[in-house]
N, C-alpha and C. Protein backbone atom coordinates (compact mmCIF):
# COMPACT_ATOMS: atom_id res chain seq x y z
N MET A 1 122.97 52.97 -136.35
CA MET A 1 123.35 53.22 -134.99
C MET A 1 124.86 53.47 -134.97
N PHE A 2 125.23 54.42 -134.21
CA PHE A 2 126.63 54.79 -134.14
C PHE A 2 127.24 54.20 -132.86
N LEU A 3 128.33 53.39 -133.01
CA LEU A 3 129.02 52.81 -131.87
C LEU A 3 130.41 53.41 -131.77
N LEU A 4 130.81 53.62 -130.60
CA LEU A 4 132.14 54.12 -130.36
C LEU A 4 133.17 53.04 -130.67
N PRO A 5 134.36 53.40 -131.08
CA PRO A 5 135.37 52.40 -131.43
C PRO A 5 135.68 51.45 -130.28
N HIS A 6 135.73 51.94 -129.06
CA HIS A 6 136.08 51.03 -127.96
C HIS A 6 134.92 50.07 -127.67
N THR A 7 133.66 50.44 -127.98
CA THR A 7 132.51 49.54 -127.82
C THR A 7 132.57 48.45 -128.87
N MET A 8 132.96 48.78 -130.08
CA MET A 8 133.07 47.80 -131.15
C MET A 8 134.16 46.78 -130.83
N LEU A 9 135.27 47.24 -130.25
CA LEU A 9 136.33 46.33 -129.86
C LEU A 9 135.85 45.36 -128.77
N PHE A 10 135.09 45.90 -127.83
CA PHE A 10 134.57 45.08 -126.74
C PHE A 10 133.64 43.99 -127.27
N LEU A 11 132.73 44.32 -128.17
CA LEU A 11 131.78 43.35 -128.72
C LEU A 11 132.46 42.36 -129.65
N SER A 12 133.50 42.75 -130.35
CA SER A 12 134.19 41.83 -131.25
C SER A 12 134.91 40.72 -130.49
N ARG A 13 135.27 40.95 -129.25
CA ARG A 13 135.91 39.90 -128.45
C ARG A 13 134.96 38.71 -128.25
N PHE A 14 133.66 38.97 -128.09
CA PHE A 14 132.70 37.88 -127.89
C PHE A 14 132.50 37.07 -129.16
N ARG A 15 132.59 37.72 -130.30
CA ARG A 15 132.41 37.02 -131.56
C ARG A 15 133.55 36.05 -131.80
N LYS A 16 134.73 36.36 -131.43
CA LYS A 16 135.89 35.53 -131.69
C LYS A 16 136.14 34.51 -130.59
N ASN A 17 135.66 34.76 -129.39
CA ASN A 17 135.95 33.89 -128.26
C ASN A 17 135.07 32.64 -128.31
N GLN A 18 135.70 31.46 -128.29
CA GLN A 18 134.97 30.18 -128.34
C GLN A 18 135.03 29.45 -127.00
N ASP A 19 135.64 30.01 -125.98
CA ASP A 19 135.73 29.36 -124.67
C ASP A 19 134.34 29.22 -124.06
N GLY A 20 134.06 28.05 -123.52
CA GLY A 20 132.79 27.83 -122.83
C GLY A 20 131.64 27.42 -123.73
N VAL A 21 131.88 27.23 -125.02
CA VAL A 21 130.81 26.84 -125.94
C VAL A 21 130.30 25.45 -125.60
N ALA A 22 131.22 24.54 -125.29
CA ALA A 22 130.82 23.16 -124.96
C ALA A 22 129.98 23.14 -123.69
N ALA A 23 130.36 23.93 -122.70
CA ALA A 23 129.59 23.99 -121.46
C ALA A 23 128.19 24.55 -121.71
N LEU A 24 128.10 25.54 -122.56
CA LEU A 24 126.80 26.12 -122.89
C LEU A 24 125.93 25.12 -123.65
N GLU A 25 126.52 24.40 -124.60
CA GLU A 25 125.76 23.39 -125.33
C GLU A 25 125.31 22.26 -124.41
N PHE A 26 126.17 21.84 -123.50
CA PHE A 26 125.80 20.80 -122.56
C PHE A 26 124.66 21.27 -121.65
N ALA A 27 124.71 22.51 -121.23
CA ALA A 27 123.66 23.05 -120.37
C ALA A 27 122.31 23.03 -121.08
N LEU A 28 122.31 23.25 -122.39
CA LEU A 28 121.06 23.24 -123.14
C LEU A 28 120.52 21.81 -123.32
N VAL A 29 121.41 20.83 -123.42
CA VAL A 29 121.02 19.45 -123.70
C VAL A 29 120.87 18.64 -122.41
N ALA A 30 121.47 19.07 -121.32
CA ALA A 30 121.52 18.27 -120.09
C ALA A 30 120.15 17.96 -119.52
N LEU A 31 119.28 18.93 -119.39
CA LEU A 31 117.97 18.69 -118.77
C LEU A 31 117.15 17.66 -119.55
N PRO A 32 116.98 17.81 -120.86
CA PRO A 32 116.23 16.77 -121.57
C PRO A 32 116.92 15.40 -121.52
N PHE A 33 118.25 15.39 -121.57
CA PHE A 33 118.98 14.13 -121.53
C PHE A 33 118.76 13.41 -120.20
N PHE A 34 118.92 14.12 -119.11
CA PHE A 34 118.76 13.48 -117.80
C PHE A 34 117.30 13.11 -117.53
N LEU A 35 116.36 13.88 -118.02
CA LEU A 35 114.95 13.53 -117.89
C LEU A 35 114.65 12.24 -118.65
N LEU A 36 115.18 12.11 -119.84
CA LEU A 36 115.00 10.89 -120.62
C LEU A 36 115.68 9.70 -119.96
N LEU A 37 116.88 9.90 -119.45
CA LEU A 37 117.61 8.84 -118.76
C LEU A 37 116.83 8.37 -117.52
N TYR A 38 116.32 9.30 -116.75
CA TYR A 38 115.55 8.98 -115.56
C TYR A 38 114.25 8.25 -115.94
N ALA A 39 113.62 8.65 -117.03
CA ALA A 39 112.40 7.98 -117.49
C ALA A 39 112.68 6.54 -117.90
N VAL A 40 113.79 6.31 -118.56
CA VAL A 40 114.16 4.95 -118.95
C VAL A 40 114.38 4.10 -117.71
N LEU A 41 115.05 4.63 -116.70
CA LEU A 41 115.24 3.89 -115.46
C LEU A 41 113.91 3.62 -114.76
N ASP A 42 113.03 4.60 -114.76
CA ASP A 42 111.72 4.46 -114.13
C ASP A 42 110.91 3.34 -114.79
N VAL A 43 110.87 3.33 -116.10
CA VAL A 43 110.12 2.30 -116.84
C VAL A 43 110.79 0.93 -116.66
N SER A 44 112.10 0.90 -116.64
CA SER A 44 112.80 -0.36 -116.42
C SER A 44 112.47 -0.94 -115.05
N LEU A 45 112.40 -0.08 -114.05
CA LEU A 45 112.04 -0.55 -112.71
C LEU A 45 110.62 -1.08 -112.67
N ILE A 46 109.71 -0.51 -113.46
CA ILE A 46 108.34 -1.02 -113.52
C ILE A 46 108.36 -2.46 -114.02
N PHE A 47 109.08 -2.71 -115.09
CA PHE A 47 109.13 -4.06 -115.64
C PHE A 47 109.83 -5.04 -114.68
N PHE A 48 110.88 -4.59 -114.03
CA PHE A 48 111.57 -5.45 -113.07
C PHE A 48 110.68 -5.75 -111.87
N ALA A 49 109.97 -4.75 -111.37
CA ALA A 49 109.06 -4.96 -110.24
C ALA A 49 107.91 -5.88 -110.62
N SER A 50 107.39 -5.71 -111.83
CA SER A 50 106.30 -6.55 -112.31
C SER A 50 106.74 -8.01 -112.41
N THR A 51 107.93 -8.24 -112.92
CA THR A 51 108.47 -9.59 -113.03
C THR A 51 108.72 -10.19 -111.65
N THR A 52 109.21 -9.39 -110.72
CA THR A 52 109.42 -9.86 -109.36
C THR A 52 108.11 -10.26 -108.71
N LEU A 53 107.08 -9.46 -108.90
CA LEU A 53 105.76 -9.77 -108.34
C LEU A 53 105.21 -11.05 -108.96
N GLU A 54 105.37 -11.19 -110.25
CA GLU A 54 104.88 -12.38 -110.95
C GLU A 54 105.59 -13.64 -110.45
N ASN A 55 106.90 -13.60 -110.33
CA ASN A 55 107.64 -14.76 -109.84
C ASN A 55 107.28 -15.09 -108.39
N GLY A 56 107.05 -14.06 -107.59
CA GLY A 56 106.67 -14.29 -106.19
C GLY A 56 105.32 -14.97 -106.08
N ILE A 57 104.37 -14.57 -106.91
CA ILE A 57 103.04 -15.18 -106.87
C ILE A 57 103.09 -16.62 -107.37
N VAL A 58 103.83 -16.87 -108.42
CA VAL A 58 103.93 -18.24 -108.95
C VAL A 58 104.53 -19.16 -107.91
N SER A 59 105.58 -18.70 -107.24
CA SER A 59 106.24 -19.52 -106.23
C SER A 59 105.34 -19.77 -105.03
N ALA A 60 104.67 -18.74 -104.54
CA ALA A 60 103.80 -18.90 -103.37
C ALA A 60 102.55 -19.70 -103.71
N ALA A 61 102.01 -19.53 -104.92
CA ALA A 61 100.80 -20.25 -105.32
C ALA A 61 101.03 -21.75 -105.41
N ARG A 62 102.25 -22.15 -105.57
CA ARG A 62 102.57 -23.58 -105.61
C ARG A 62 102.17 -24.26 -104.30
N GLN A 63 102.25 -23.54 -103.20
CA GLN A 63 101.83 -24.10 -101.91
C GLN A 63 100.34 -24.43 -101.91
N ILE A 64 99.55 -23.61 -102.59
CA ILE A 64 98.11 -23.86 -102.69
C ILE A 64 97.86 -25.00 -103.66
N ARG A 65 98.52 -24.94 -104.79
CA ARG A 65 98.28 -25.93 -105.85
C ARG A 65 98.59 -27.36 -105.40
N THR A 66 99.61 -27.52 -104.60
CA THR A 66 100.00 -28.85 -104.15
C THR A 66 99.29 -29.28 -102.87
N GLY A 67 98.51 -28.40 -102.27
CA GLY A 67 97.77 -28.74 -101.06
C GLY A 67 98.53 -28.51 -99.78
N GLN A 68 99.74 -28.00 -99.87
CA GLN A 68 100.53 -27.74 -98.67
C GLN A 68 99.91 -26.63 -97.82
N ALA A 69 99.36 -25.62 -98.47
CA ALA A 69 98.72 -24.52 -97.74
C ALA A 69 97.47 -25.01 -97.02
N GLN A 70 96.70 -25.86 -97.67
CA GLN A 70 95.48 -26.37 -97.07
C GLN A 70 95.81 -27.32 -95.92
N ALA A 71 96.82 -28.17 -96.10
CA ALA A 71 97.21 -29.12 -95.04
C ALA A 71 97.72 -28.39 -93.80
N ALA A 72 98.38 -27.27 -94.01
CA ALA A 72 98.92 -26.49 -92.89
C ALA A 72 97.90 -25.49 -92.35
N ASN A 73 96.69 -25.49 -92.92
CA ASN A 73 95.66 -24.52 -92.52
C ASN A 73 96.19 -23.09 -92.61
N MET A 74 96.87 -22.79 -93.70
CA MET A 74 97.52 -21.50 -93.88
C MET A 74 96.48 -20.38 -93.90
N SER A 75 96.75 -19.35 -93.10
CA SER A 75 95.86 -18.19 -93.07
C SER A 75 96.25 -17.20 -94.15
N GLU A 76 95.43 -16.19 -94.32
CA GLU A 76 95.71 -15.14 -95.30
C GLU A 76 97.02 -14.43 -94.96
N GLU A 77 97.25 -14.16 -93.69
CA GLU A 77 98.48 -13.48 -93.27
C GLU A 77 99.71 -14.33 -93.53
N GLU A 78 99.58 -15.65 -93.32
CA GLU A 78 100.71 -16.54 -93.56
C GLU A 78 101.02 -16.63 -95.06
N PHE A 79 99.97 -16.66 -95.88
CA PHE A 79 100.20 -16.67 -97.33
C PHE A 79 100.83 -15.36 -97.78
N ARG A 80 100.37 -14.27 -97.21
CA ARG A 80 100.95 -12.96 -97.52
C ARG A 80 102.44 -12.94 -97.15
N ALA A 81 102.77 -13.50 -95.99
CA ALA A 81 104.18 -13.56 -95.56
C ALA A 81 104.99 -14.42 -96.53
N LEU A 82 104.37 -15.47 -97.06
CA LEU A 82 105.05 -16.31 -98.04
C LEU A 82 105.34 -15.53 -99.32
N VAL A 83 104.37 -14.76 -99.78
CA VAL A 83 104.57 -13.91 -100.97
C VAL A 83 105.63 -12.86 -100.67
N CYS A 84 105.55 -12.25 -99.51
CA CYS A 84 106.51 -11.20 -99.14
C CYS A 84 107.94 -11.73 -99.11
N GLY A 85 108.11 -12.97 -98.67
CA GLY A 85 109.43 -13.57 -98.66
C GLY A 85 110.02 -13.72 -100.04
N GLU A 86 109.16 -13.80 -101.03
CA GLU A 86 109.61 -13.94 -102.42
C GLU A 86 109.89 -12.60 -103.11
N ILE A 87 109.23 -11.54 -102.67
CA ILE A 87 109.32 -10.26 -103.39
C ILE A 87 110.04 -9.17 -102.62
N ASP A 88 110.45 -9.42 -101.39
CA ASP A 88 110.97 -8.33 -100.55
C ASP A 88 112.30 -7.77 -100.99
N MET A 89 112.95 -8.37 -101.99
CA MET A 89 114.21 -7.80 -102.47
C MET A 89 114.00 -6.47 -103.19
N LEU A 90 112.79 -6.26 -103.74
CA LEU A 90 112.52 -5.02 -104.47
C LEU A 90 111.25 -4.33 -103.99
N LEU A 91 110.26 -5.09 -103.61
CA LEU A 91 108.96 -4.54 -103.28
C LEU A 91 108.72 -4.57 -101.77
N ALA A 92 108.20 -3.48 -101.26
CA ALA A 92 107.88 -3.40 -99.84
C ALA A 92 106.60 -4.19 -99.57
N CYS A 93 106.59 -4.88 -98.47
CA CYS A 93 105.43 -5.69 -98.13
C CYS A 93 104.58 -4.90 -97.12
N ASP A 94 103.95 -3.86 -97.60
CA ASP A 94 103.14 -3.01 -96.74
C ASP A 94 101.74 -2.87 -97.35
N THR A 95 101.11 -1.76 -97.13
CA THR A 95 99.74 -1.57 -97.62
C THR A 95 99.66 -1.47 -99.13
N ARG A 96 100.80 -1.33 -99.81
CA ARG A 96 100.77 -1.25 -101.27
C ARG A 96 100.54 -2.61 -101.92
N LEU A 97 100.67 -3.69 -101.16
CA LEU A 97 100.49 -5.04 -101.68
C LEU A 97 99.12 -5.57 -101.26
N ALA A 98 98.36 -6.03 -102.24
CA ALA A 98 97.06 -6.66 -101.98
C ALA A 98 97.05 -8.02 -102.68
N ILE A 99 96.52 -9.03 -101.99
CA ILE A 99 96.50 -10.39 -102.54
C ILE A 99 95.07 -10.90 -102.55
N ASP A 100 94.69 -11.50 -103.66
CA ASP A 100 93.34 -12.03 -103.85
C ASP A 100 93.44 -13.48 -104.30
N VAL A 101 92.86 -14.40 -103.53
CA VAL A 101 92.86 -15.82 -103.86
C VAL A 101 91.40 -16.27 -103.90
N ARG A 102 90.95 -16.72 -105.07
CA ARG A 102 89.55 -17.12 -105.26
C ARG A 102 89.48 -18.53 -105.83
N THR A 103 88.44 -19.24 -105.42
CA THR A 103 88.20 -20.61 -105.88
C THR A 103 86.94 -20.65 -106.72
N PHE A 104 87.00 -21.45 -107.80
CA PHE A 104 85.86 -21.59 -108.71
C PHE A 104 85.62 -23.07 -109.00
N ASN A 105 84.40 -23.38 -109.44
CA ASN A 105 84.04 -24.76 -109.76
C ASN A 105 84.60 -25.20 -111.11
N GLY A 106 84.89 -24.26 -111.98
CA GLY A 106 85.41 -24.58 -113.31
C GLY A 106 86.10 -23.38 -113.90
N TRP A 107 86.55 -23.56 -115.15
CA TRP A 107 87.29 -22.49 -115.82
C TRP A 107 86.37 -21.36 -116.27
N GLY A 108 85.14 -21.65 -116.62
CA GLY A 108 84.22 -20.61 -117.09
C GLY A 108 83.97 -19.52 -116.06
N PRO A 109 83.55 -19.88 -114.85
CA PRO A 109 83.32 -18.84 -113.84
C PRO A 109 84.60 -18.08 -113.44
N ALA A 110 85.76 -18.70 -113.63
CA ALA A 110 87.02 -18.05 -113.26
C ALA A 110 87.34 -16.85 -114.15
N GLN A 111 86.62 -16.72 -115.25
CA GLN A 111 86.86 -15.60 -116.16
C GLN A 111 86.19 -14.32 -115.70
N ASN A 112 85.29 -14.42 -114.74
CA ASN A 112 84.54 -13.26 -114.26
C ASN A 112 85.08 -12.78 -112.93
N LEU A 113 86.27 -12.22 -112.95
CA LEU A 113 86.89 -11.70 -111.74
C LEU A 113 86.50 -10.24 -111.54
N PRO A 114 86.34 -9.82 -110.31
CA PRO A 114 86.01 -8.41 -110.09
C PRO A 114 87.19 -7.51 -110.44
N ALA A 115 86.88 -6.31 -110.87
CA ALA A 115 87.92 -5.34 -111.22
C ALA A 115 88.70 -4.94 -109.97
N ALA A 116 89.97 -4.70 -110.16
CA ALA A 116 90.83 -4.31 -109.04
C ALA A 116 90.68 -2.82 -108.71
N LEU A 117 90.36 -2.01 -109.71
CA LEU A 117 90.25 -0.56 -109.52
C LEU A 117 88.81 -0.11 -109.67
N ASP A 118 88.45 0.89 -108.89
CA ASP A 118 87.12 1.48 -109.05
C ASP A 118 87.18 2.57 -110.12
N ALA A 119 86.08 3.25 -110.32
CA ALA A 119 86.00 4.28 -111.37
C ALA A 119 86.95 5.45 -111.12
N ASN A 120 87.35 5.67 -109.87
CA ASN A 120 88.24 6.78 -109.54
C ASN A 120 89.72 6.39 -109.58
N GLY A 121 90.02 5.14 -109.91
CA GLY A 121 91.41 4.69 -109.98
C GLY A 121 91.99 4.27 -108.66
N ASN A 122 91.15 3.89 -107.69
CA ASN A 122 91.61 3.41 -106.40
C ASN A 122 91.36 1.91 -106.30
N LEU A 123 92.17 1.21 -105.51
CA LEU A 123 91.94 -0.22 -105.29
C LEU A 123 90.59 -0.41 -104.63
N THR A 124 89.85 -1.41 -105.10
CA THR A 124 88.51 -1.64 -104.55
C THR A 124 88.56 -2.26 -103.17
N GLY A 125 89.59 -3.00 -102.86
CA GLY A 125 89.68 -3.66 -101.56
C GLY A 125 88.86 -4.94 -101.51
N ASN A 126 88.33 -5.35 -102.66
CA ASN A 126 87.51 -6.56 -102.75
C ASN A 126 88.42 -7.77 -102.91
N MET A 127 89.13 -8.13 -101.82
CA MET A 127 90.08 -9.23 -101.86
C MET A 127 89.57 -10.38 -101.00
N ASN A 128 89.80 -11.60 -101.45
CA ASN A 128 89.41 -12.81 -100.73
C ASN A 128 90.63 -13.69 -100.51
N PHE A 129 90.46 -14.66 -99.62
CA PHE A 129 91.47 -15.71 -99.47
C PHE A 129 90.74 -17.03 -99.31
N ASP A 130 90.65 -17.77 -100.41
CA ASP A 130 90.00 -19.07 -100.43
C ASP A 130 90.84 -20.01 -101.29
N PRO A 131 91.75 -20.79 -100.67
CA PRO A 131 92.63 -21.66 -101.45
C PRO A 131 91.94 -22.89 -102.03
N GLY A 132 90.72 -23.16 -101.61
CA GLY A 132 89.96 -24.27 -102.18
C GLY A 132 90.46 -25.63 -101.76
N GLY A 133 89.91 -26.63 -102.42
CA GLY A 133 90.27 -28.02 -102.13
C GLY A 133 90.84 -28.68 -103.36
N ALA A 134 90.99 -29.98 -103.26
CA ALA A 134 91.56 -30.76 -104.36
C ALA A 134 90.67 -30.64 -105.59
N GLY A 135 91.28 -30.37 -106.73
CA GLY A 135 90.56 -30.29 -108.00
C GLY A 135 89.88 -28.97 -108.28
N ASP A 136 89.88 -28.04 -107.34
CA ASP A 136 89.25 -26.74 -107.57
C ASP A 136 90.12 -25.87 -108.48
N VAL A 137 89.45 -25.02 -109.24
CA VAL A 137 90.15 -24.02 -110.04
C VAL A 137 90.41 -22.83 -109.13
N VAL A 138 91.65 -22.40 -109.05
CA VAL A 138 92.04 -21.31 -108.17
C VAL A 138 92.71 -20.22 -108.99
N VAL A 139 92.37 -18.97 -108.70
CA VAL A 139 93.02 -17.82 -109.31
C VAL A 139 93.67 -17.02 -108.19
N VAL A 140 94.97 -16.84 -108.28
CA VAL A 140 95.72 -16.05 -107.31
C VAL A 140 96.17 -14.78 -108.02
N ARG A 141 95.77 -13.65 -107.46
CA ARG A 141 96.17 -12.36 -108.03
C ARG A 141 96.87 -11.53 -106.97
N ALA A 142 97.85 -10.78 -107.39
CA ALA A 142 98.53 -9.84 -106.49
C ALA A 142 98.55 -8.48 -107.16
N PHE A 143 98.30 -7.47 -106.37
CA PHE A 143 98.29 -6.09 -106.85
C PHE A 143 99.28 -5.29 -106.03
N TYR A 144 100.07 -4.47 -106.72
CA TYR A 144 101.05 -3.65 -106.03
C TYR A 144 100.97 -2.23 -106.58
N THR A 145 100.85 -1.27 -105.69
CA THR A 145 100.79 0.14 -106.07
C THR A 145 102.20 0.67 -106.18
N TRP A 146 102.62 0.98 -107.41
CA TRP A 146 103.98 1.43 -107.70
C TRP A 146 103.99 2.93 -107.92
N PRO A 147 104.85 3.67 -107.20
CA PRO A 147 104.91 5.12 -107.41
C PRO A 147 105.70 5.48 -108.67
N MET A 148 105.13 6.31 -109.51
CA MET A 148 105.84 6.81 -110.70
C MET A 148 106.64 8.03 -110.27
N MET A 149 107.91 8.08 -110.69
CA MET A 149 108.79 9.14 -110.22
C MET A 149 109.12 10.19 -111.27
N THR A 150 109.00 9.85 -112.53
CA THR A 150 109.39 10.78 -113.58
C THR A 150 108.22 11.68 -113.95
N PRO A 151 108.39 12.98 -113.88
CA PRO A 151 107.29 13.87 -114.30
C PRO A 151 107.04 13.76 -115.80
N THR A 152 105.89 13.99 -116.22
CA THR A 152 105.37 13.93 -117.60
C THR A 152 105.43 12.52 -118.18
N VAL A 153 106.58 11.87 -118.17
CA VAL A 153 106.66 10.51 -118.70
C VAL A 153 105.91 9.55 -117.77
N GLY A 154 106.04 9.75 -116.47
CA GLY A 154 105.34 8.93 -115.50
C GLY A 154 103.84 9.03 -115.63
N ASP A 155 103.35 10.18 -116.05
CA ASP A 155 101.91 10.36 -116.25
C ASP A 155 101.38 9.44 -117.35
N GLN A 156 102.22 9.12 -118.31
CA GLN A 156 101.80 8.24 -119.40
C GLN A 156 101.66 6.79 -118.94
N PHE A 157 102.34 6.42 -117.86
CA PHE A 157 102.32 5.04 -117.38
C PHE A 157 101.44 4.85 -116.15
N SER A 158 100.97 5.91 -115.55
CA SER A 158 100.14 5.75 -114.36
C SER A 158 98.72 5.35 -114.77
N ASN A 159 98.15 4.43 -114.00
CA ASN A 159 96.79 3.98 -114.26
C ASN A 159 95.94 4.01 -113.00
N MET A 160 96.44 4.69 -111.98
CA MET A 160 95.71 4.83 -110.72
C MET A 160 95.63 6.30 -110.34
N ALA A 161 94.82 6.56 -109.35
CA ALA A 161 94.73 7.91 -108.81
C ALA A 161 96.06 8.27 -108.16
N GLY A 162 96.40 9.53 -108.17
CA GLY A 162 97.62 10.00 -107.53
C GLY A 162 98.89 9.74 -108.31
N GLY A 163 98.78 9.46 -109.61
CA GLY A 163 99.97 9.23 -110.43
C GLY A 163 100.69 7.93 -110.13
N MET A 164 99.97 6.94 -109.64
CA MET A 164 100.55 5.64 -109.32
C MET A 164 100.27 4.65 -110.44
N ARG A 165 101.04 3.57 -110.46
CA ARG A 165 100.86 2.50 -111.45
C ARG A 165 100.49 1.23 -110.69
N LEU A 166 99.41 0.58 -111.10
CA LEU A 166 99.02 -0.68 -110.49
C LEU A 166 99.70 -1.82 -111.23
N LEU A 167 100.57 -2.53 -110.52
CA LEU A 167 101.19 -3.72 -111.06
C LEU A 167 100.32 -4.90 -110.66
N GLU A 168 100.08 -5.79 -111.61
CA GLU A 168 99.24 -6.94 -111.32
C GLU A 168 99.92 -8.20 -111.83
N ALA A 169 99.88 -9.23 -111.00
CA ALA A 169 100.37 -10.55 -111.40
C ALA A 169 99.29 -11.55 -111.03
N SER A 170 99.08 -12.52 -111.89
CA SER A 170 98.05 -13.52 -111.61
C SER A 170 98.46 -14.87 -112.16
N ILE A 171 97.90 -15.89 -111.55
CA ILE A 171 98.10 -17.26 -112.01
C ILE A 171 96.80 -18.01 -111.75
N ALA A 172 96.40 -18.80 -112.73
CA ALA A 172 95.21 -19.63 -112.60
C ALA A 172 95.63 -21.09 -112.78
N PHE A 173 95.09 -21.96 -111.95
CA PHE A 173 95.46 -23.37 -112.00
C PHE A 173 94.36 -24.21 -111.37
N ARG A 174 94.43 -25.50 -111.62
CA ARG A 174 93.56 -26.45 -110.96
C ARG A 174 94.39 -27.13 -109.87
N ASN A 175 93.87 -27.13 -108.66
CA ASN A 175 94.59 -27.79 -107.56
C ASN A 175 94.81 -29.25 -107.88
N GLU A 176 95.95 -29.75 -107.43
CA GLU A 176 96.29 -31.15 -107.62
C GLU A 176 95.38 -32.02 -106.75
N PRO A 177 95.26 -33.30 -107.08
CA PRO A 177 94.40 -34.19 -106.29
C PRO A 177 95.10 -34.63 -105.01
N PHE A 178 95.32 -33.70 -104.09
CA PHE A 178 96.06 -34.02 -102.88
C PHE A 178 95.24 -34.80 -101.87
N ASN A 179 93.93 -34.91 -102.06
CA ASN A 179 93.07 -35.71 -101.18
C ASN A 179 92.60 -36.97 -101.88
N GLY A 180 93.21 -37.38 -102.95
CA GLY A 180 92.75 -38.53 -103.72
C GLY A 180 92.40 -38.09 -105.12
N PRO A 181 91.78 -38.95 -105.91
CA PRO A 181 91.45 -38.60 -107.30
C PRO A 181 90.39 -37.50 -107.37
N ILE A 182 90.49 -36.68 -108.43
CA ILE A 182 89.54 -35.59 -108.64
C ILE A 182 88.23 -36.16 -109.14
N GLN A 183 87.15 -35.69 -108.57
CA GLN A 183 85.82 -36.09 -109.01
C GLN A 183 85.28 -35.01 -109.95
N ASN A 184 84.97 -35.34 -111.19
CA ASN A 184 84.44 -34.36 -112.15
C ASN A 184 82.95 -34.35 -112.15
């Protein structure tokens, strides 16, 4: 191919010019870097939210375990408000929070809890509130629907329909003998 001398001079300027190389390299690396950074923050928030939910359930369940909830005739809404008071620094206390409190005669039946999600990845809505009496085995579970924000990476962590992540916290205990000694 034949190039005119002034065309060759024009093209040779680009070969020697190094201005803007760093900006071009950053532009190539920026998108994957920020996507990875955002994914790390997203996953970190999942763990922080899960720990917050767990601590909130443990703290609120103490009211049931010691018999304070039963003595006060605490309703499901009041127990929910108690949990919300513990988790509201990070988690919204709206329809994304579901609480399940079940009572069992022993530890064996407590192992057969209903699944929280149906086959389509939606919450079943099969929630109860039964704090039981003295000496009963109680399982308190809380479920929170967490929105995943990072594309592609968030899909790896979602376990619900709509790209959401179900956070679950649970505690199992035997109620204290707040009405006298436990009868076995």
